[in-house]
Amino acid sequence: MFISARIGLFALFLAVFLLLGFEGIYSALIAGVLALAISLVFLQKQRDALSVEIYNWNHREKNLGVPDQDADIENAILDSKEDNK
């Protein structure tokens, strides 16, 4: 939602400045700055939700397999062999 809102703001401002007769590069620069400023002020709730999603995705449970009692026993045996060396 946040990314599409920012792209939408940029596209809206870009279209307006191009229709007003600004050159393409200047229209893109002004549209980018305005879209950034408006998104920082008005889209804070969406930005916070996106950062929570990214944080949760990066810190998700790495062990996605089925818990296996045999694997725990094998790991304990291997660990004890390394300790005896």
PDB file of N, CA and C in Angstrom:
ATOM      1  N   MET A   1       0.827  -1.189   0.000  1.00  0.00           N
ATOM      2  CA  MET A   1       0.000   0.000   0.000  1.00  0.00           C
ATOM      3  C   MET A   1       0.879   1.263   0.000  1.00  0.00           C
ATOM      4  N   PHE A   2       1.907   1.267   0.847  1.00  0.00           N
ATOM      5  CA  PHE A   2       2.764   2.452   0.955  1.00  0.00           C
ATOM      6  C   PHE A   2       3.510   2.715  -0.351  1.00  0.00           C
ATOM      7  N   ILE A   3       4.056   1.666  -0.931  1.00  0.00           N
ATOM      8  CA  ILE A   3       4.845   1.836  -2.153  1.00  0.00           C
ATOM      9  C   ILE A   3       3.956   2.290  -3.310  1.00  0.00           C
ATOM     10  N   SER A   4       2.774   1.696  -3.418  1.00  0.00           N
ATOM     11  CA  SER A   4       1.870   2.100  -4.497  1.00  0.00           C
ATOM     12  C   SER A   4       1.375   3.532  -4.293  1.00  0.00           C
ATOM     13  N   ALA A   5       1.194   3.960  -3.041  1.00  0.00           N
ATOM     14  CA  ALA A   5       0.788   5.341  -2.780  1.00  0.00           C
ATOM     15  C   ALA A   5       1.890   6.314  -3.183  1.00  0.00           C
ATOM     16  N   ARG A   6       3.146   5.959  -2.880  1.00  0.00           N
ATOM     17  CA  ARG A   6       4.260   6.841  -3.262  1.00  0.00           C
ATOM     18  C   ARG A   6       4.424   6.906  -4.774  1.00  0.00           C
ATOM     19  N   ILE A   7       4.282   5.770  -5.429  1.00  0.00           N
ATOM     20  CA  ILE A   7       4.388   5.765  -6.898  1.00  0.00           C
ATOM     21  C   ILE A   7       3.240   6.564  -7.505  1.00  0.00           C
ATOM     22  N   GLY A   8       2.055   6.415  -6.919  1.00  0.00           N
ATOM     23  CA  GLY A   8       0.900   7.176  -7.399  1.00  0.00           C
ATOM     24  C   GLY A   8       1.089   8.672  -7.238  1.00  0.00           C
ATOM     25  N   LEU A   9       1.604   9.093  -6.093  1.00  0.00           N
ATOM     26  CA  LEU A   9       1.878  10.519  -5.883  1.00  0.00           C
ATOM     27  C   LEU A   9       2.896  11.029  -6.899  1.00  0.00           C
ATOM     28  N   PHE A  10       3.951  10.260  -7.102  1.00  0.00           N
ATOM     29  CA  PHE A  10       4.978  10.663  -8.069  1.00  0.00           C
ATOM     30  C   PHE A  10       4.373  10.780  -9.466  1.00  0.00           C
ATOM     31  N   ALA A  11       3.592   9.789  -9.865  1.00  0.00           N
ATOM     32  CA  ALA A  11       2.996   9.809 -11.206  1.00  0.00           C
ATOM     33  C   ALA A  11       2.034  10.988 -11.361  1.00  0.00           C
ATOM     34  N   LEU A  12       1.279  11.279 -10.327  1.00  0.00           N
ATOM     35  CA  LEU A  12       0.335  12.397 -10.377  1.00  0.00           C
ATOM     36  C   LEU A  12       1.080  13.722 -10.539  1.00  0.00           C
ATOM     37  N   PHE A  13       2.092  13.948  -9.705  1.00  0.00           N
ATOM     38  CA  PHE A  13       2.851  15.182  -9.818  1.00  0.00           C
ATOM     39  C   PHE A  13       3.603  15.268 -11.144  1.00  0.00           C
ATOM     40  N   LEU A  14       4.143  14.162 -11.596  1.00  0.00           N
ATOM     41  CA  LEU A  14       4.858  14.160 -12.871  1.00  0.00           C
ATOM     42  C   LEU A  14       3.918  14.532 -14.017  1.00  0.00           C
ATOM     43  N   ALA A  15       2.731  13.959 -14.016  1.00  0.00           N
ATOM     44  CA  ALA A  15       1.761  14.266 -15.076  1.00  0.00           C
ATOM     45  C   ALA A  15       1.358  15.741 -15.037  1.00  0.00           C
ATOM     46  N   VAL A  16       1.145  16.262 -13.839  1.00  0.00           N
ATOM     47  CA  VAL A  16       0.745  17.667 -13.723  1.00  0.00           C
ATOM     48  C   VAL A  16       1.844  18.584 -14.252  1.00  0.00           C
ATOM     49  N   PHE A  17       3.092  18.332 -13.848  1.00  0.00           N
ATOM     50  CA  PHE A  17       4.176  19.209 -14.299  1.00  0.00           C
ATOM     51  C   PHE A  17       4.450  19.072 -15.792  1.00  0.00           C
ATOM     52  N   LEU A  18       4.288  17.864 -16.329  1.00  0.00           N
ATOM     53  CA  LEU A  18       4.460  17.710 -17.776  1.00  0.00           C
ATOM     54  C   LEU A  18       3.349  18.425 -18.533  1.00  0.00           C
ATOM     55  N   LEU A  19       2.127  18.378 -18.002  1.00  0.00           N
ATOM     56  CA  LEU A  19       1.021  19.096 -18.649  1.00  0.00           C
ATOM     57  C   LEU A  19       1.197  20.607 -18.549  1.00  0.00           C
ATOM     58  N   LEU A  20       1.857  21.068 -17.505  1.00  0.00           N
ATOM     59  CA  LEU A  20       2.121  22.501 -17.366  1.00  0.00           C
ATOM     60  C   LEU A  20       3.258  22.975 -18.266  1.00  0.00           C
ATOM     61  N   GLY A  21       3.982  22.043 -18.896  1.00  0.00           N
ATOM     62  CA  GLY A  21       4.994  22.415 -19.867  1.00  0.00           C
ATOM     63  C   GLY A  21       6.414  22.414 -19.339  1.00  0.00           C
ATOM     64  N   PHE A  22       6.656  21.868 -18.157  1.00  0.00           N
ATOM     65  CA  PHE A  22       8.012  21.757 -17.651  1.00  0.00           C
ATOM     66  C   PHE A  22       8.767  20.704 -18.454  1.00  0.00           C
ATOM     67  N   GLU A  23      10.085  20.823 -18.487  1.00  0.00           N
ATOM     68  CA  GLU A  23      10.888  19.799 -19.149  1.00  0.00           C
ATOM     69  C   GLU A  23      10.826  18.509 -18.340  1.00  0.00           C
ATOM     70  N   GLY A  24      11.118  17.389 -18.999  1.00  0.00           N
ATOM     71  CA  GLY A  24      10.968  16.072 -18.383  1.00  0.00           C
ATOM     72  C   GLY A  24      11.813  15.858 -17.142  1.00  0.00           C
ATOM     73  N   ILE A  25      13.073  16.243 -17.203  1.00  0.00           N
ATOM     74  CA  ILE A  25      13.969  15.997 -16.076  1.00  0.00           C
ATOM     75  C   ILE A  25      13.581  16.847 -14.883  1.00  0.00           C
ATOM     76  N   TYR A  26      13.194  18.094 -15.140  1.00  0.00           N
ATOM     77  CA  TYR A  26      12.782  18.964 -14.047  1.00  0.00           C
ATOM     78  C   TYR A  26      11.450  18.497 -13.457  1.00  0.00           C
ATOM     79  N   SER A  27      10.573  18.030 -14.314  1.00  0.00           N
ATOM     80  CA  SER A  27       9.301  17.503 -13.835  1.00  0.00           C
ATOM     81  C   SER A  27       9.518  16.296 -12.934  1.00  0.00           C
ATOM     82  N   ALA A  28      10.426  15.420 -13.330  1.00  0.00           N
ATOM     83  CA  ALA A  28      10.700  14.220 -12.534  1.00  0.00           C
ATOM     84  C   ALA A  28      11.332  14.582 -11.195  1.00  0.00           C
ATOM     85  N   LEU A  29      12.264  15.524 -11.198  1.00  0.00           N
ATOM     86  CA  LEU A  29      12.916  15.931  -9.950  1.00  0.00           C
ATOM     87  C   LEU A  29      11.924  16.587  -8.988  1.00  0.00           C
ATOM     88  N   ILE A  30      11.128  17.510  -9.492  1.00  0.00           N
ATOM     89  CA  ILE A  30      10.153  18.188  -8.637  1.00  0.00           C
ATOM     90  C   ILE A  30       9.097  17.204  -8.145  1.00  0.00           C
ATOM     91  N   ALA A  31       8.646  16.317  -9.016  1.00  0.00           N
ATOM     92  CA  ALA A  31       7.649  15.323  -8.623  1.00  0.00           C
ATOM     93  C   ALA A  31       8.201  14.388  -7.559  1.00  0.00           C
ATOM     94  N   GLY A  32       9.466  13.999  -7.690  1.00  0.00           N
ATOM     95  CA  GLY A  32      10.084  13.129  -6.691  1.00  0.00           C
ATOM     96  C   GLY A  32      10.192  13.792  -5.332  1.00  0.00           C
ATOM     97  N   VAL A  33      10.605  15.041  -5.329  1.00  0.00           N
ATOM     98  CA  VAL A  33      10.742  15.766  -4.057  1.00  0.00           C
ATOM     99  C   VAL A  33       9.379  15.963  -3.401  1.00  0.00           C
ATOM    100  N   LEU A  34       8.391  16.359  -4.178  1.00  0.00           N
ATOM    101  CA  LEU A  34       7.051  16.569  -3.619  1.00  0.00           C
ATOM    102  C   LEU A  34       6.432  15.255  -3.125  1.00  0.00           C
ATOM    103  N   ALA A  35       6.597  14.187  -3.879  1.00  0.00           N
ATOM    104  CA  ALA A  35       6.056  12.888  -3.457  1.00  0.00           C
ATOM    105  C   ALA A  35       6.729  12.416  -2.173  1.00  0.00           C
ATOM    106  N   LEU A  36       8.043  12.629  -2.053  1.00  0.00           N
ATOM    107  CA  LEU A  36       8.756  12.263  -0.837  1.00  0.00           C
ATOM    108  C   LEU A  36       8.259  13.071   0.352  1.00  0.00           C
ATOM    109  N   ALA A  37       8.137  14.378   0.170  1.00  0.00           N
ATOM    110  CA  ALA A  37       7.706  15.242   1.269  1.00  0.00           C
ATOM    111  C   ALA A  37       6.293  14.891   1.734  1.00  0.00           C
ATOM    112  N   ILE A  38       5.395  14.686   0.807  1.00  0.00           N
ATOM    113  CA  ILE A  38       4.013  14.359   1.179  1.00  0.00           C
ATOM    114  C   ILE A  38       3.939  12.984   1.823  1.00  0.00           C
ATOM    115  N   SER A  39       4.710  12.040   1.317  1.00  0.00           N
ATOM    116  CA  SER A  39       4.670  10.699   1.914  1.00  0.00           C
ATOM    117  C   SER A  39       5.257  10.705   3.322  1.00  0.00           C
ATOM    118  N   LEU A  40       6.266  11.529   3.576  1.00  0.00           N
ATOM    119  CA  LEU A  40       6.826  11.621   4.925  1.00  0.00           C
ATOM    120  C   LEU A  40       5.828  12.220   5.909  1.00  0.00           C
ATOM    121  N   VAL A  41       5.026  13.153   5.450  1.00  0.00           N
ATOM    122  CA  VAL A  41       4.087  13.829   6.339  1.00  0.00           C
ATOM    123  C   VAL A  41       2.792  13.039   6.507  1.00  0.00           C
ATOM    124  N   PHE A  42       2.224  12.547   5.412  1.00  0.00           N
ATOM    125  CA  PHE A  42       0.874  11.989   5.461  1.00  0.00           C
ATOM    126  C   PHE A  42       0.792  10.466   5.450  1.00  0.00           C
ATOM    127  N   LEU A  43       1.859   9.769   5.117  1.00  0.00           N
ATOM    128  CA  LEU A  43       1.787   8.312   5.005  1.00  0.00           C
ATOM    129  C   LEU A  43       2.581   7.604   6.102  1.00  0.00           C
ATOM    130  N   GLN A  44       2.646   8.197   7.279  1.00  0.00           N
ATOM    131  CA  GLN A  44       3.447   7.612   8.357  1.00  0.00           C
ATOM    132  C   GLN A  44       2.860   6.283   8.827  1.00  0.00           C
ATOM    133  N   LYS A  45       1.545   6.178   8.896  1.00  0.00           N
ATOM    134  CA  LYS A  45       0.927   4.932   9.359  1.00  0.00           C
ATOM    135  C   LYS A  45       1.252   3.769   8.416  1.00  0.00           C
ATOM    136  N   GLN A  46       1.184   4.017   7.117  1.00  0.00           N
ATOM    137  CA  GLN A  46       1.497   2.985   6.139  1.00  0.00           C
ATOM    138  C   GLN A  46       2.992   2.640   6.167  1.00  0.00           C
ATOM    139  N   ARG A  47       3.852   3.651   6.354  1.00  0.00           N
ATOM    140  CA  ARG A  47       5.293   3.410   6.415  1.00  0.00           C
ATOM    141  C   ARG A  47       5.649   2.564   7.637  1.00  0.00           C
ATOM    142  N   ASP A  48       5.000   2.853   8.772  1.00  0.00           N
ATOM    143  CA  ASP A  48       5.247   2.066   9.980  1.00  0.00           C
ATOM    144  C   ASP A  48       4.789   0.616   9.797  1.00  0.00           C
ATOM    145  N   ALA A  49       3.643   0.419   9.152  1.00  0.00           N
ATOM    146  CA  ALA A  49       3.149  -0.938   8.907  1.00  0.00           C
ATOM    147  C   ALA A  49       4.106  -1.700   7.988  1.00  0.00           C
ATOM    148  N   LEU A  50       4.632  -1.028   6.983  1.00  0.00           N
ATOM    149  CA  LEU A  50       5.582  -1.667   6.072  1.00  0.00           C
ATOM    150  C   LEU A  50       6.865  -2.047   6.793  1.00  0.00           C
ATOM    151  N   SER A  51       7.369  -1.169   7.662  1.00  0.00           N
ATOM    152  CA  SER A  51       8.602  -1.497   8.365  1.00  0.00           C
ATOM    153  C   SER A  51       8.399  -2.639   9.359  1.00  0.00           C
ATOM    154  N   VAL A  52       7.208  -2.765   9.946  1.00  0.00           N
ATOM    155  CA  VAL A  52       6.920  -3.904  10.824  1.00  0.00           C
ATOM    156  C   VAL A  52       6.903  -5.193  10.003  1.00  0.00           C
ATOM    157  N   GLU A  53       6.298  -5.148   8.816  1.00  0.00           N
ATOM    158  CA  GLU A  53       6.280  -6.330   7.953  1.00  0.00           C
ATOM    159  C   GLU A  53       7.694  -6.743   7.544  1.00  0.00           C
ATOM    160  N   ILE A  54       8.517  -5.782   7.195  1.00  0.00           N
ATOM    161  CA  ILE A  54       9.890  -6.094   6.791  1.00  0.00           C
ATOM    162  C   ILE A  54      10.663  -6.666   7.973  1.00  0.00           C
ATOM    163  N   TYR A  55      10.485  -6.077   9.157  1.00  0.00           N
ATOM    164  CA  TYR A  55      11.171  -6.590  10.346  1.00  0.00           C
ATOM    165  C   TYR A  55      10.741  -8.024  10.634  1.00  0.00           C
ATOM    166  N   ASN A  56       9.443  -8.286  10.597  1.00  0.00           N
ATOM    167  CA  ASN A  56       8.944  -9.644  10.862  1.00  0.00           C
ATOM    168  C   ASN A  56       9.438 -10.631   9.815  1.00  0.00           C
ATOM    169  N   TRP A  57       9.539 -10.207   8.580  1.00  0.00           N
ATOM    170  CA  TRP A  57      10.008 -11.104   7.530  1.00  0.00           C
ATOM    171  C   TRP A  57      11.478 -11.436   7.744  1.00  0.00           C
ATOM    172  N   ASN A  58      12.268 -10.449   8.156  1.00  0.00           N
ATOM    173  CA  ASN A  58      13.696 -10.684   8.387  1.00  0.00           C
ATOM    174  C   ASN A  58      13.958 -11.509   9.638  1.00  0.00           C
ATOM    175  N   HIS A  59      13.066 -11.473  10.596  1.00  0.00           N
ATOM    176  CA  HIS A  59      13.262 -12.180  11.853  1.00  0.00           C
ATOM    177  C   HIS A  59      12.295 -13.361  12.003  1.00  0.00           C
ATOM    178  N   ARG A  60      11.864 -13.899  10.896  1.00  0.00           N
ATOM    179  CA  ARG A  60      10.945 -15.037  10.944  1.00  0.00           C
ATOM    180  C   ARG A  60      11.686 -16.274  11.445  1.00  0.00           C
ATOM    181  N   GLU A  61      10.936 -17.251  11.826  1.00  0.00           N
ATOM    182  CA  GLU A  61      11.503 -18.502  12.343  1.00  0.00           C
ATOM    183  C   GLU A  61      12.290 -19.184  11.236  1.00  0.00           C
ATOM    184  N   LYS A  62      13.565 -19.403  11.485  1.00  0.00           N
ATOM    185  CA  LYS A  62      14.427 -20.020  10.476  1.00  0.00           C
ATOM    186  C   LYS A  62      14.212 -21.524  10.392  1.00  0.00           C
ATOM    187  N   ASN A  63      13.794 -22.146  11.484  1.00  0.00           N
ATOM    188  CA  ASN A  63      13.577 -23.590  11.502  1.00  0.00           C
ATOM    189  C   ASN A  63      12.146 -23.871  11.068  1.00  0.00           C
ATOM    190  N   LEU A  64      11.954 -24.067   9.769  1.00  0.00           N
ATOM    191  CA  LEU A  64      10.620 -24.282   9.238  1.00  0.00           C
ATOM    192  C   LEU A  64      10.251 -25.755   9.125  1.00  0.00           C
ATOM    193  N   GLY A  65      11.165 -26.645   9.471  1.00  0.00           N
ATOM    194  CA  GLY A  65      10.912 -28.075   9.359  1.00  0.00           C
ATOM    195  C   GLY A  65      10.042 -28.600  10.501  1.00  0.00           C
ATOM    196  N   VAL A  66       9.732 -29.862  10.427  1.00  0.00           N
ATOM    197  CA  VAL A  66       8.945 -30.517  11.456  1.00  0.00           C
ATOM    198  C   VAL A  66       9.877 -30.908  12.602  1.00  0.00           C
ATOM    199  N   PRO A  67       9.489 -30.609  13.850  1.00  0.00           N
ATOM    200  CA  PRO A  67      10.354 -31.016  14.962  1.00  0.00           C
ATOM    201  C   PRO A  67      10.515 -32.537  14.982  1.00  0.00           C
ATOM    202  N   ASP A  68      11.751 -32.959  15.069  1.00  0.00           N
ATOM    203  CA  ASP A  68      12.050 -34.380  14.989  1.00  0.00           C
ATOM    204  C   ASP A  68      12.874 -34.782  16.209  1.00  0.00           C
ATOM    205  N   GLN A  69      12.343 -35.693  16.985  1.00  0.00           N
ATOM    206  CA  GLN A  69      13.024 -36.121  18.202  1.00  0.00           C
ATOM    207  C   GLN A  69      14.328 -36.848  17.870  1.00  0.00           C
ATOM    208  N   ASP A  70      14.345 -37.609  16.782  1.00  0.00           N
ATOM    209  CA  ASP A  70      15.559 -38.323  16.394  1.00  0.00           C
ATOM    210  C   ASP A  70      16.683 -37.357  16.052  1.00  0.00           C
ATOM    211  N   ALA A  71      16.336 -36.261  15.399  1.00  0.00           N
ATOM    212  CA  ALA A  71      17.360 -35.291  15.036  1.00  0.00           C
ATOM    213  C   ALA A  71      17.987 -34.676  16.283  1.00  0.00           C
ATOM    214  N   ASP A  72      17.173 -34.432  17.300  1.00  0.00           N
ATOM    215  CA  ASP A  72      17.712 -33.893  18.550  1.00  0.00           C
ATOM    216  C   ASP A  72      18.692 -34.871  19.195  1.00  0.00           C
ATOM    217  N   ILE A  73      18.370 -36.155  19.153  1.00  0.00           N
ATOM    218  CA  ILE A  73      19.256 -37.173  19.727  1.00  0.00           C
ATOM    219  C   ILE A  73      20.559 -37.237  18.938  1.00  0.00           C
ATOM    220  N   GLU A  74      20.445 -37.220  17.594  1.00  0.00           N
ATOM    221  CA  GLU A  74      21.638 -37.250  16.758  1.00  0.00           C
ATOM    222  C   GLU A  74      22.515 -36.027  17.010  1.00  0.00           C
ATOM    223  N   ASN A  75      21.901 -34.870  17.151  1.00  0.00           N
ATOM    224  CA  ASN A  75      22.676 -33.658  17.426  1.00  0.00           C
ATOM    225  C   ASN A  75      23.373 -33.749  18.771  1.00  0.00           C
ATOM    226  N   ALA A  76      22.700 -34.309  19.767  1.00  0.00           N
ATOM    227  CA  ALA A  76      23.310 -34.449  21.085  1.00  0.00           C
ATOM    228  C   ALA A  76      24.511 -35.391  21.033  1.00  0.00           C
ATOM    229  N   ILE A  77      24.386 -36.477  20.267  1.00  0.00           N
ATOM    230  CA  ILE A  77      25.502 -37.422  20.130  1.00  0.00           C
ATOM    231  C   ILE A  77      26.684 -36.753  19.433  1.00  0.00           C
ATOM    232  N   LEU A  78      26.402 -36.046  18.346  1.00  0.00           N
ATOM    233  CA  LEU A  78      27.472 -35.362  17.618  1.00  0.00           C
ATOM    234  C   LEU A  78      28.133 -34.302  18.484  1.00  0.00           C
ATOM    235  N   ASP A  79      27.350 -33.586  19.248  1.00  0.00           N
ATOM    236  CA  ASP A  79      27.907 -32.548  20.122  1.00  0.00           C
ATOM    237  C   ASP A  79      28.795 -33.183  21.205  1.00  0.00           C
ATOM    238  N   SER A  80      28.374 -34.309  21.729  1.00  0.00           N
ATOM    239  CA  SER A  80      29.160 -34.944  22.776  1.00  0.00           C
ATOM    240  C   SER A  80      30.473 -35.494  22.199  1.00  0.00           C
ATOM    241  N   LYS A  81      30.461 -35.957  20.944  1.00  0.00           N
ATOM    242  CA  LYS A  81      31.692 -36.428  20.308  1.00  0.00           C
ATOM    243  C   LYS A  81      32.666 -35.275  20.107  1.00  0.00           C
ATOM    244  N   GLU A  82      32.150 -34.096  19.750  1.00  0.00           N
ATOM    245  CA  GLU A  82      33.031 -32.949  19.562  1.00  0.00           C
ATOM    246  C   GLU A  82      33.610 -32.481  20.894  1.00  0.00           C
ATOM    247  N   ASP A  83      32.823 -32.622  21.963  1.00  0.00           N
ATOM    248  CA  ASP A  83      33.311 -32.221  23.275  1.00  0.00           C
ATOM    249  C   ASP A  83      34.412 -33.139  23.775  1.00  0.00           C
ATOM    250  N   ASN A  84      34.360 -34.418  23.358  1.00  0.00           N
ATOM    251  CA  ASN A  84      35.360 -35.396  23.828  1.00  0.00           C
ATOM    252  C   ASN A  84      36.695 -35.241  23.115  1.00  0.00           C
ATOM    253  N   LYS A  85      36.744 -34.516  22.019  1.00  0.00           N
ATOM    254  CA  LYS A  85      37.993 -34.376  21.245  1.00  0.00           C
ATOM    255  C   LYS A  85      38.960 -33.477  21.937  1.00  0.00           C
TER     256      LYS A  85
END
